[in-house]
C-alpha atoms as a PDB file:
ATOM      1  CA  MET A   1     -27.420-149.343  -4.817  1.00  0.00           C
ATOM      2  CA  LYS A   2     -26.158-146.227  -6.457  1.00  0.00           C
ATOM      3  CA  MET A   3     -23.324-145.368  -8.897  1.00  0.00           C
ATOM      4  CA  CYS A   4     -19.884-144.998  -7.306  1.00  0.00           C
ATOM      5  CA  PRO A   5     -18.790-141.332  -7.838  1.00  0.00           C
ATOM      6  CA  PHE A   6     -15.145-142.288  -8.342  1.00  0.00           C
ATOM      7  CA  LEU A   7     -15.561-145.232 -10.765  1.00  0.00           C
ATOM      8  CA  SER A   8     -18.564-144.072 -12.650  1.00  0.00           C
ATOM      9  CA  GLN A   9     -17.484-145.473 -16.029  1.00  0.00           C
ATOM     10  CA  ALA A  10     -17.353-149.191 -15.185  1.00  0.00           C
ATOM     11  CA  ILE A  11     -19.811-151.896 -14.015  1.00  0.00           C
ATOM     12  CA  TRP A  12     -19.132-155.369 -12.792  1.00  0.00           C
ATOM     13  CA  GLU A  13     -20.658-158.824 -12.600  1.00  0.00           C
ATOM     14  CA  GLU A  14     -19.964-161.237  -9.741  1.00  0.00           C
ATOM     15  CA  LYS A  15     -19.647-164.984 -10.052  1.00  0.00           C
ATOM     16  CA  GLU A  16     -18.456-167.451  -7.442  1.00  0.00           C
ATOM     17  CA  GLY A  17     -17.302-165.258  -4.613  1.00  0.00           C
ATOM     18  CA  LYS A  18     -15.129-162.219  -5.422  1.00  0.00           C
ATOM     19  CA  THR A  19     -13.888-163.288  -8.850  1.00  0.00           C
ATOM     20  CA  ILE A  20     -14.848-160.933 -11.673  1.00  0.00           C
ATOM     21  CA  THR A  21     -15.613-162.602 -14.920  1.00  0.00           C
ATOM     22  CA  ARG A  22     -16.433-159.305 -16.701  1.00  0.00           C
ATOM     23  CA  VAL A  23     -16.092-155.873 -15.212  1.00  0.00           C
ATOM     24  CA  ILE A  24     -18.379-153.299 -16.769  1.00  0.00           C
ATOM     25  CA  GLU A  25     -19.481-151.071 -13.869  1.00  0.00           C
ATOM     26  CA  VAL A  26     -18.826-150.732 -10.163  1.00  0.00           C
ATOM     27  CA  MET A  27     -21.796-150.114  -7.886  1.00  0.00           C
ATOM     28  CA  CYS A  28     -21.849-148.903  -4.292  1.00  0.00           C
ATOM     29  CA  GLN A  29     -23.327-151.211  -1.567  1.00  0.00           C
ATOM     30  CA  GLY A  30     -23.821-149.474   1.724  1.00  0.00           C
ATOM     31  CA  ASP A  31     -20.582-147.939   2.842  1.00  0.00           C
ATOM     32  CA  LYS A  32     -18.472-150.219   0.680  1.00  0.00           C
ATOM     33  CA  CYS A  33     -17.470-149.785  -2.974  1.00  0.00           C
ATOM     34  CA  PHE A  34     -16.271-152.447  -5.316  1.00  0.00           C
ATOM     35  CA  PHE A  35     -13.061-151.454  -7.072  1.00  0.00           C
ATOM     36  CA  TRP A  36     -11.790-153.395 -10.018  1.00  0.00           C
ATOM     37  CA  THR A  37      -8.245-153.763 -11.071  1.00  0.00           C
ATOM     38  CA  GLN A  38      -6.429-156.572 -12.786  1.00  0.00           C
ATOM     39  CA  ASN A  39      -9.548-158.809 -12.919  1.00  0.00           C
ATOM     40  CA  THR A  40     -10.021-158.630  -9.134  1.00  0.00           C
ATOM     41  CA  CYS A  41     -12.909-157.042  -7.302  1.00  0.00           C
ATOM     42  CA  THR A  42     -11.875-155.428  -4.031  1.00  0.00           C
ATOM     43  CA  PHE A  43     -13.917-153.666  -1.419  1.00  0.00           C
ATOM     44  CA  VAL A  44     -12.919-150.054  -0.810  1.00  0.00           C
ATOM     45  CA  ASP A  45     -13.784-148.259   2.442  1.00  0.00           C
ATOM     46  CA  ARG A  46     -16.064-145.457   1.325  1.00  0.00           C
ATOM     47  CA  THR A  47     -16.006-143.345   4.506  1.00  0.00           C
ATOM     48  CA  PRO A  48     -14.910-140.681   3.584  1.00  0.00           C
ATOM     49  CA  PHE A  49     -14.515-141.243  -0.186  1.00  0.00           C
ATOM     50  CA  ASN A  50     -12.711-138.697  -2.382  1.00  0.00           C
ATOM     51  CA  LEU A  51      -9.596-138.457  -4.468  1.00  0.00           C
ATOM     52  CA  LEU A  52      -7.282-137.463  -1.616  1.00  0.00           C
ATOM     53  CA  SER A  53      -8.586-139.431   1.467  1.00  0.00           C
ATOM     54  CA  THR A  54     -10.025-142.721   0.188  1.00  0.00           C
ATOM     55  CA  LYS A  55      -8.654-145.640   2.194  1.00  0.00           C
ATOM     56  CA  ILE A  56      -7.946-148.620   0.040  1.00  0.00           C
ATOM     57  CA  THR A  57      -8.458-151.875   2.028  1.00  0.00           C
ATOM     58  CA  SER A  58      -7.470-154.280  -0.698  1.00  0.00           C
ATOM     59  CA  SER A  59      -4.139-155.688  -1.704  1.00  0.00           C
ATOM     60  CA  ILE A  60      -3.801-152.982  -4.429  1.00  0.00           C
ATOM     61  CA  GLU A  61      -3.669-150.049  -1.985  1.00  0.00           C
ATOM     62  CA  LYS A  62      -0.229-149.101  -3.126  1.00  0.00           C
ATOM     63  CA  GLY A  63      -1.165-149.259  -6.800  1.00  0.00           C
ATOM     64  CA  PHE A  64      -4.182-147.099  -6.218  1.00  0.00           C
ATOM     65  CA  ALA A  65      -2.116-144.518  -4.360  1.00  0.00           C
ATOM     66  CA  ASP A  66       0.440-144.523  -7.164  1.00  0.00           C
ATOM     67  CA  ASN A  67      -2.313-143.955  -9.647  1.00  0.00           C
ATOM     68  CA  GLN A  68      -3.577-141.027  -7.614  1.00  0.00           C
ATOM     69  CA  GLY A  69      -0.026-139.640  -7.392  1.00  0.00           C
ATOM     70  CA  SER A  70       0.393-140.090 -11.102  1.00  0.00           C
ATOM     71  CA  LEU A  71      -2.808-138.169 -11.687  1.00  0.00           C
ATOM     72  CA  ILE A  72      -1.628-135.334  -9.462  1.00  0.00           C
ATOM     73  CA  LEU A  73       1.823-135.391 -11.131  1.00  0.00           C
ATOM     74  CA  LEU A  74       0.179-135.439 -14.529  1.00  0.00           C
ATOM     75  CA  LYS A  75      -1.910-132.486 -13.517  1.00  0.00           C
ATOM     76  CA  GLU A  76       1.196-130.600 -12.348  1.00  0.00           C
ATOM     77  CA  VAL A  77       3.051-131.519 -15.546  1.00  0.00           C
ATOM     78  CA  TYR A  78       0.081-130.400 -17.585  1.00  0.00           C
ATOM     79  CA  GLU A  79      -0.166-127.133 -15.711  1.00  0.00           C
ATOM     80  CA  LYS A  80       3.611-126.578 -15.990  1.00  0.00           C
ATOM     81  CA  THR A  81       3.626-127.526 -19.645  1.00  0.00           C
ATOM     82  CA  GLY A  82       0.625-125.304 -20.265  1.00  0.00           C
ATOM     83  CA  LYS A  83       2.335-122.432 -18.507  1.00  0.00           C
ATOM     84  CA  GLU A  84       5.564-122.942 -20.479  1.00  0.00           C
ATOM     85  CA  PHE A  85       3.575-123.236 -23.679  1.00  0.00           C
ATOM     86  CA  ALA A  86       1.710-120.040 -22.859  1.00  0.00           C
ATOM     87  CA  GLU A  87       4.996-118.285 -22.110  1.00  0.00           C
ATOM     88  CA  LYS A  88       6.458-119.573 -25.353  1.00  0.00           C
ATOM     89  CA  ILE A  89       3.398-118.366 -27.241  1.00  0.00           C
ATOM     90  CA  ALA A  90       3.799-114.986 -25.557  1.00  0.00           C
ATOM     91  CA  ARG A  91       7.465-114.816 -26.544  1.00  0.00           C
ATOM     92  CA  VAL A  92       6.667-115.815 -30.106  1.00  0.00           C
ATOM     93  CA  SER A  93       3.889-113.227 -30.220  1.00  0.00           C
ATOM     94  CA  GLU A  94       6.234-110.579 -28.875  1.00  0.00           C
ATOM     95  CA  SER A  95       8.882-111.564 -31.425  1.00  0.00           C
ATOM     96  CA  ILE A  96       6.305-111.426 -34.200  1.00  0.00           C
ATOM     97  CA  GLU A  97       5.168-108.023 -32.989  1.00  0.00           C
ATOM     98  CA  LYS A  98       8.768-106.782 -32.973  1.00  0.00           C
ATOM     99  CA  GLN A  99       9.415-108.224 -36.427  1.00  0.00           C
ATOM    100  CA  THR A 100       6.122-106.766 -37.610  1.00  0.00           C
ATOM    101  CA  GLY A 101       7.336-103.397 -36.356  1.00  0.00           C
ATOM    102  CA  VAL A 102      10.703-103.811 -38.042  1.00  0.00           C
ATOM    103  CA  PHE A 103       9.244-105.082 -41.317  1.00  0.00           C
ATOM    104  CA  PRO A 104       8.047-101.659 -42.547  1.00  0.00           C
ATOM    105  CA  GLU A 105      11.505-100.292 -41.761  1.00  0.00           C
ATOM    106  CA  ILE A 106      13.027-103.110 -43.783  1.00  0.00           C
ATOM    107  CA  LEU A 107      10.666-102.330 -46.657  1.00  0.00           C
ATOM    108  CA  GLN A 108      11.582 -98.654 -46.413  1.00  0.00           C
ATOM    109  CA  LYS A 109      15.307 -99.496 -46.407  1.00  0.00           C
ATOM    110  CA  LEU A 110      14.797-101.749 -49.421  1.00  0.00           C
ATOM    111  CA  GLU A 111      12.942 -98.969 -51.226  1.00  0.00           C
ATOM    112  CA  GLU A 112      15.671 -96.478 -50.348  1.00  0.00           C
ATOM    113  CA  LEU A 113      18.289 -98.958 -51.536  1.00  0.00           C
ATOM    114  CA  LYS A 114      16.335 -99.512 -54.736  1.00  0.00           C
ATOM    115  CA  ASN A 115      16.115 -95.752 -55.340  1.00  0.00           C
ATOM    116  CA  SER A 116      19.802 -95.377 -54.534  1.00  0.00           C
ATOM    117  CA  VAL A 117      20.732 -98.168 -56.955  1.00  0.00           C
ATOM    118  CA  SER A 118      18.470 -96.641 -59.620  1.00  0.00           C
ATOM    119  CA  GLN A 119      20.114 -93.240 -59.144  1.00  0.00           C
ATOM    120  CA  GLU A 120      23.589 -94.759 -59.237  1.00  0.00           C
ATOM    121  CA  LYS A 121      22.637 -96.638 -62.382  1.00  0.00           C
ATOM    122  CA  ALA A 122      21.327 -93.432 -63.972  1.00  0.00           C
ATOM    123  CA  ASP A 123      24.502 -91.581 -62.940  1.00  0.00           C
ATOM    124  CA  PHE A 124      26.656 -94.408 -64.310  1.00  0.00           C
ATOM    125  CA  GLU A 125      24.775 -94.430 -67.621  1.00  0.00           C
ATOM    126  CA  LYS A 126      25.128 -90.650 -67.822  1.00  0.00           C
ATOM    127  CA  MET A 127      28.843 -90.947 -67.130  1.00  0.00           C
ATOM    128  CA  ILE A 128      29.144 -93.612 -69.867  1.00  0.00           C
ATOM    129  CA  GLN A 129      27.314 -91.324 -72.313  1.00  0.00           C
ATOM    130  CA  GLU A 130      29.614 -88.431 -71.441  1.00  0.00           C
ATOM    131  CA  MET A 131      32.669 -90.652 -71.889  1.00  0.00           C
ATOM    132  CA  GLN A 132      31.344 -91.835 -75.249  1.00  0.00           C
ATOM    133  CA  LYS A 133      30.780 -88.221 -76.248  1.00  0.00           C
ATOM    134  CA  ILE A 134      34.319 -87.332 -75.186  1.00  0.00           C
ATOM    135  CA  ALA A 135      35.657 -90.345 -77.113  1.00  0.00           C
ATOM    136  CA  GLU A 136      33.706 -89.360 -80.232  1.00  0.00           C
ATOM    137  CA  ASP A 137      34.885 -85.761 -79.902  1.00  0.00           C
ATOM    138  CA  PHE A 138      38.473 -86.936 -79.520  1.00  0.00           C
ATOM    139  CA  LYS A 139      38.066 -89.183 -82.557  1.00  0.00           C
ATOM    140  CA  LYS A 140      36.782 -86.223 -84.587  1.00  0.00           C
ATOM    141  CA  ARG A 141      39.681 -84.103 -83.365  1.00  0.00           C
ATOM    142  CA  VAL A 142      42.141 -86.790 -84.438  1.00  0.00           C
ATOM    143  CA  GLU A 143      40.441 -87.061 -87.824  1.00  0.00           C
ATOM    144  CA  ASN A 144      40.503 -83.273 -88.233  1.00  0.00           C
ATOM    145  CA  TYR A 145      44.152 -83.206 -87.202  1.00  0.00           C
ATOM    146  CA  GLU A 146      44.952 -85.877 -89.768  1.00  0.00           C
ATOM    147  CA  LYS A 147      43.038 -83.913 -92.401  1.00  0.00           C
ATOM    148  CA  ILE A 148      44.911 -80.753 -91.466  1.00  0.00           C
ATOM    149  CA  GLN A 149      48.208 -82.606 -91.664  1.00  0.00           C
ATOM    150  CA  GLU A 150      47.259 -83.967 -95.069  1.00  0.00           C
ATOM    151  CA  GLN A 151      46.173 -80.501 -96.236  1.00  0.00           C
ATOM    152  CA  LEU A 152      49.430 -78.969 -95.021  1.00  0.00           C
ATOM    153  CA  LYS A 153      51.354 -81.662 -96.854  1.00  0.00           C
ATOM    154  CA  LEU A 154      49.364 -81.076-100.044  1.00  0.00           C
ATOM    155  CA  SER A 155      49.705 -77.305 -99.657  1.00  0.00           C
ATOM    156  CA  SER A 156      53.460 -77.704 -99.448  1.00  0.00           C
ATOM    157  CA  ILE A 157      53.468 -79.802-102.648  1.00  0.00           C
ATOM    158  CA  TYR A 158      51.138 -77.289-104.355  1.00  0.00           C
ATOM    159  CA  GLU A 159      53.409 -74.367-103.458  1.00  0.00           C
ATOM    160  CA  LYS A 160      56.378 -76.257-104.849  1.00  0.00           C
ATOM    161  CA  ILE A 161      54.572 -76.971-108.147  1.00  0.00           C
ATOM    162  CA  LEU A 162      53.363 -73.378-108.356  1.00  0.00           C
ATOM    163  CA  PHE A 163      56.927 -72.152-107.818  1.00  0.00           C
ATOM    164  CA  LEU A 164      58.221 -74.332-110.646  1.00  0.00           C
ATOM    165  CA  PHE A 165      55.359 -73.148-112.875  1.00  0.00           C
ATOM    166  CA  SER A 166      56.101 -69.473-112.137  1.00  0.00           C
ATOM    167  CA  ARG A 167      59.708 -70.048-113.218  1.00  0.00           C
ATOM    168  CA  GLY A 168      58.557 -71.567-116.492  1.00  0.00           C
ATOM    169  CA  GLU A 169      59.795 -75.043-115.552  1.00  0.00           C
ATOM    170  CA  TYR A 170      56.640 -76.703-116.829  1.00  0.00           C
ATOM    171  CA  ASP A 171      58.112 -80.174-117.250  1.00  0.00           C
ATOM    172  CA  LEU A 172      59.374 -80.298-113.649  1.00  0.00           C
ATOM    173  CA  ALA A 173      56.052 -78.905-112.437  1.00  0.00           C
ATOM    174  CA  TRP A 174      54.252 -81.646-114.362  1.00  0.00           C
ATOM    175  CA  GLU A 175      56.467 -84.338-112.858  1.00  0.00           C
ATOM    176  CA  GLU A 176      55.592 -83.148-109.375  1.00  0.00           C
ATOM    177  CA  ILE A 177      51.863 -82.923-110.029  1.00  0.00           C
ATOM    178  CA  GLU A 178      51.801 -86.467-111.405  1.00  0.00           C
ATOM    179  CA  LYS A 179      53.106 -87.698-108.031  1.00  0.00           C
ATOM    180  CA  VAL A 180      49.908 -86.503-106.369  1.00  0.00           C
ATOM    181  CA  LYS A 181      47.147 -89.109-106.349  1.00  0.00           C
ATOM    182  CA  ASP A 182      44.002 -88.242-108.304  1.00  0.00           C
ATOM    183  CA  ALA A 183      41.888 -88.600-105.135  1.00  0.00           C
ATOM    184  CA  GLN A 184      44.026 -85.891-103.492  1.00  0.00           C
ATOM    185  CA  LYS A 185      43.807 -83.439-106.361  1.00  0.00           C
ATOM    186  CA  ASP A 186      41.344 -80.779-105.240  1.00  0.00           C
ATOM    187  CA  THR A 187      40.171 -77.857-107.385  1.00  0.00           C
ATOM    188  CA  ARG A 188      43.385 -75.873-107.072  1.00  0.00           C
ATOM    189  CA  PHE A 189      45.453 -78.895-108.214  1.00  0.00           C
ATOM    190  CA  ARG A 190      43.111 -79.530-111.131  1.00  0.00           C
ATOM    191  CA  ILE A 191      43.286 -75.902-112.271  1.00  0.00           C
ATOM    192  CA  LEU A 192      47.073 -75.895-111.977  1.00  0.00           C
ATOM    193  CA  GLU A 193      47.246 -79.212-113.796  1.00  0.00           C
ATOM    194  CA  ALA A 194      45.170 -77.872-116.714  1.00  0.00           C
ATOM    195  CA  THR A 195      47.205 -74.655-116.769  1.00  0.00           C
ATOM    196  CA  ILE A 196      50.480 -76.607-116.982  1.00  0.00           C
ATOM    197  CA  LEU A 197      49.038 -78.699-119.820  1.00  0.00           C
ATOM    198  CA  LEU A 198      48.043 -75.499-121.594  1.00  0.00           C
ATOM    199  CA  LYS A 199      51.589 -74.128-121.234  1.00  0.00           C
ATOM    200  CA  LYS A 200      52.975 -77.401-122.506  1.00  0.00           C
ATOM    201  CA  GLY A 201      50.817 -77.066-125.633  1.00  0.00           C
ATOM    202  CA  ASP A 202      48.207 -79.743-124.800  1.00  0.00           C
ATOM    203  CA  ARG A 203      45.147 -77.523-125.300  1.00  0.00           C
ATOM    204  CA  ASN A 204      42.623 -80.356-125.672  1.00  0.00           C
ATOM    205  CA  SER A 205      43.513 -81.967-122.310  1.00  0.00           C
ATOM    206  CA  ALA A 206      43.525 -78.583-120.612  1.00  0.00           C
ATOM    207  CA  LYS A 207      40.169 -77.661-122.182  1.00  0.00           C
ATOM    208  CA  GLN A 208      38.659 -80.963-121.007  1.00  0.00           C
ATOM    209  CA  ILE A 209      39.680 -80.322-117.397  1.00  0.00           C
ATOM    210  CA  PHE A 210      38.434 -76.703-117.395  1.00  0.00           C
ATOM    211  CA  GLU A 211      35.046 -77.632-118.882  1.00  0.00           C
ATOM    212  CA  GLU A 212      34.721 -80.519-116.468  1.00  0.00           C
ATOM    213  CA  LEU A 213      35.217 -78.130-113.548  1.00  0.00           C
ATOM    214  CA  MET A 214      32.672 -75.679-115.016  1.00  0.00           C
ATOM    215  CA  ASP A 215      30.100 -78.478-115.392  1.00  0.00           C
ATOM    216  CA  LYS A 216      30.518 -79.204-111.676  1.00  0.00           C
ATOM    217  CA  GLY A 217      29.563 -75.604-110.935  1.00  0.00           C
ATOM    218  CA  ILE A 218      33.056 -74.531-109.941  1.00  0.00           C
ATOM    219  CA  SER A 219      33.657 -70.851-110.646  1.00  0.00           C
ATOM    220  CA  SER A 220      37.166 -69.475-110.828  1.00  0.00           C
ATOM    221  CA  LYS A 221      38.704 -66.560-112.680  1.00  0.00           C
ATOM    222  CA  GLU A 222      41.582 -68.841-113.649  1.00  0.00           C
ATOM    223  CA  ILE A 223      39.177 -71.333-115.243  1.00  0.00           C
ATOM    224  CA  PHE A 224      37.328 -68.653-117.244  1.00  0.00           C
ATOM    225  CA  ASN A 225      40.514 -66.869-118.304  1.00  0.00           C
ATOM    226  CA  ASN A 226      42.394 -69.975-119.436  1.00  0.00           C
ATOM    227  CA  LEU A 227      39.399 -71.582-121.119  1.00  0.00           C
ATOM    228  CA  GLY A 228      38.732 -68.278-122.953  1.00  0.00           C
ATOM    229  CA  ILE A 229      42.370 -68.268-124.107  1.00  0.00           C
ATOM    230  CA  ILE A 230      41.986 -71.811-125.466  1.00  0.00           C
ATOM    231  CA  TYR A 231      38.938 -70.771-127.530  1.00  0.00           C
ATOM    232  CA  TYR A 232      40.716 -67.575-128.639  1.00  0.00           C
ATOM    233  CA  GLU A 233      43.817 -69.464-129.781  1.00  0.00           C
ATOM    234  CA  GLY A 234      41.562 -71.958-131.522  1.00  0.00           C
ATOM    235  CA  GLY A 235      40.009 -69.110-133.544  1.00  0.00           C
ATOM    236  CA  ASN A 236      36.601 -69.290-131.815  1.00  0.00           C
ATOM    237  CA  PHE A 237      36.501 -65.594-130.822  1.00  0.00           C
ATOM    238  CA  GLU A 238      32.767 -65.501-130.121  1.00  0.00           C
ATOM    239  CA  LYS A 239      33.022 -68.395-127.665  1.00  0.00           C
ATOM    240  CA  ALA A 240      36.098 -66.805-126.139  1.00  0.00           C
ATOM    241  CA  VAL A 241      34.168 -63.538-125.515  1.00  0.00           C
ATOM    242  CA  GLU A 242      31.329 -65.555-123.940  1.00  0.00           C
ATOM    243  CA  ILE A 243      33.737 -67.300-121.547  1.00  0.00           C
ATOM    244  CA  PHE A 244      35.598 -64.073-120.714  1.00  0.00           C
ATOM    245  CA  ASP A 245      32.271 -62.380-120.025  1.00  0.00           C
ATOM    246  CA  LYS A 246      31.396 -65.142-117.508  1.00  0.00           C
ATOM    247  CA  GLY A 247      34.740 -64.581-115.882  1.00  0.00           C
ATOM    248  CA  LEU A 248      34.093 -60.833-115.581  1.00  0.00           C
ATOM    249  CA  LYS A 249      30.742 -61.489-113.903  1.00  0.00           C
ATOM    250  CA  PHE A 250      32.636 -63.573-111.395  1.00  0.00           C
ATOM    251  CA  SER A 251      35.466 -61.039-110.955  1.00  0.00           C
ATOM    252  CA  ARG A 252      35.145 -57.631-112.657  1.00  0.00           C
ATOM    253  CA  GLU A 253      38.450 -56.390-111.241  1.00  0.00           C
ATOM    254  CA  PHE A 254      40.586 -59.089-112.902  1.00  0.00           C
ATOM    255  CA  PRO A 255      42.787 -57.229-115.441  1.00  0.00           C
ATOM    256  CA  GLU A 256      43.985 -60.346-117.263  1.00  0.00           C
ATOM    257  CA  ILE A 257      40.429 -61.273-118.261  1.00  0.00           C
ATOM    258  CA  LEU A 258      39.727 -57.678-119.349  1.00  0.00           C
ATOM    259  CA  TYR A 259      42.887 -57.623-121.459  1.00  0.00           C
ATOM    260  CA  ASN A 260      42.079 -60.963-123.134  1.00  0.00           C
ATOM    261  CA  MET A 261      38.463 -59.864-123.634  1.00  0.00           C
ATOM    262  CA  GLY A 262      39.806 -56.809-125.530  1.00  0.00           C
ATOM    263  CA  LEU A 263      41.828 -59.087-127.820  1.00  0.00           C
ATOM    264  CA  ALA A 264      38.825 -61.316-128.533  1.00  0.00           C
ATOM    265  CA  LEU A 265      36.551 -58.311-129.156  1.00  0.00           C
ATOM    266  CA  TYR A 266      39.123 -56.776-131.517  1.00  0.00           C
ATOM    267  CA  LYS A 267      39.262 -60.056-133.495  1.00  0.00           C
ATOM    268  CA  LYS A 268      35.469 -60.020-133.692  1.00  0.00           C
ATOM    269  CA  GLY A 269      35.625 -56.505-135.144  1.00  0.00           C
ATOM    270  CA  GLU A 270      34.213 -54.791-132.065  1.00  0.00           C
ATOM    271  CA  ILE A 271      37.063 -52.263-131.969  1.00  0.00           C
ATOM    272  CA  GLU A 272      35.576 -49.673-129.621  1.00  0.00           C
ATOM    273  CA  LYS A 273      34.616 -52.288-127.051  1.00  0.00           C
ATOM    274  CA  ALA A 274      38.111 -53.723-127.280  1.00  0.00           C
ATOM    275  CA  PHE A 275      39.660 -50.314-126.460  1.00  0.00           C
ATOM    276  CA  GLU A 276      37.187 -49.877-123.589  1.00  0.00           C
ATOM    277  CA  SER A 277      38.399 -53.170-122.110  1.00  0.00           C
ATOM    278  CA  TRP A 278      42.072 -52.203-122.366  1.00  0.00           C
ATOM    279  CA  GLU A 279      41.427 -48.755-120.896  1.00  0.00           C
ATOM    280  CA  ARG A 280      39.585 -50.399-118.013  1.00  0.00           C
ATOM    281  CA  VAL A 281      42.669 -52.577-117.456  1.00  0.00           C
ATOM    282  CA  LEU A 282      44.869 -49.498-117.128  1.00  0.00           C
ATOM    283  CA  GLU A 283      42.420 -47.938-114.667  1.00  0.00           C
ATOM    284  CA  ILE A 284      42.841 -51.006-112.459  1.00  0.00           C
ATOM    285  CA  ASP A 285      46.552 -51.430-113.079  1.00  0.00           C
ATOM    286  CA  PRO A 286      48.318 -48.499-114.802  1.00  0.00           C
ATOM    287  CA  GLU A 287      51.497 -50.563-115.053  1.00  0.00           C
ATOM    288  CA  PHE A 288      49.837 -53.289-117.158  1.00  0.00           C
ATOM    289  CA  ILE A 289      52.293 -53.076-120.085  1.00  0.00           C
ATOM    290  CA  GLU A 290      50.442 -55.445-122.433  1.00  0.00           C
ATOM    291  CA  ALA A 291      47.336 -53.235-122.306  1.00  0.00           C
ATOM    292  CA  GLN A 292      49.442 -50.131-122.997  1.00  0.00           C
ATOM    293  CA  GLU A 293      51.084 -51.781-126.011  1.00  0.00           C
ATOM    294  CA  ALA A 294      47.728 -53.057-127.316  1.00  0.00           C
ATOM    295  CA  ILE A 295      46.200 -49.560-127.244  1.00  0.00           C
ATOM    296  CA  GLN A 296      49.228 -48.020-128.946  1.00  0.00           C
ATOM    297  CA  LYS A 297      49.549 -50.777-131.546  1.00  0.00           C
ATOM    298  CA  TYR A 298      45.910 -51.008-132.514  1.00  0.00           C
ATOM    299  CA  ARG A 299      45.281 -47.256-132.485  1.00  0.00           C
ATOM    300  CA  GLU A 300      48.103 -46.781-134.910  1.00  0.00           C
ATOM    301  CA  GLY A 301      46.822 -49.617-136.983  1.00  0.00           C
ATOM    302  CA  LYS A 302      43.392 -48.114-136.894  1.00  0.00           C
END
């Protein structure tokens, strides 16, 4: 006996005729094979014996044929499924290859978009900075315009006060200057204010304002001339000469200071220097009547 080539994985045991009590292996006997199915041992004609031409002589011939058909169908299904799977794999691979080819382009587009966004952001920030600069410049222009308007307004008030002062209307001039706030009173207002006080006879208040301006380093021929007059009228001729001399260093062509310097020098007893000052006044302004009268008066007195 030899192993059946078709049912090589099972063996059998026989008890009481053809009934199988335990099927383990099927062995060939001559030209017959024992075939087990459903606990029944059946002889199978073994001539010829292969998957396609085996003649089944038992009552399970149909079942055996179906099994063979199922195997063939299974094989076809497997082959078809394998082919479809292979085709699907090929399509997926092709798709991956295409996407792999497109991916660098996508990365490039993203990089270009990133650069574009960065540039647009930089341009937008630059535009914002320019707008802020324009806004700041406009704000400064508005502030300057407001300052100019305020200066024009103050200049108009100053001219009005100066006009009243020139006409000798000191009380009206003082009323107008008191309407101006202290914070708005620049140097010209302060000088005019002290000068009005001096004309009104308040020498101490005028002196305080003039000295305050001098301490701040403000130089003006009006300050030196008026402050020198205050010291002269107070009998302090030496101090008056000192102040007039400062005024002349600031403005040597100011005839009023030269004239007043001559008066102070004459009171100090420096007669020749006094005449030199008055003569210098007439060189600058030949029509300066006070200097003419001073020379005539004091020469006769001399």
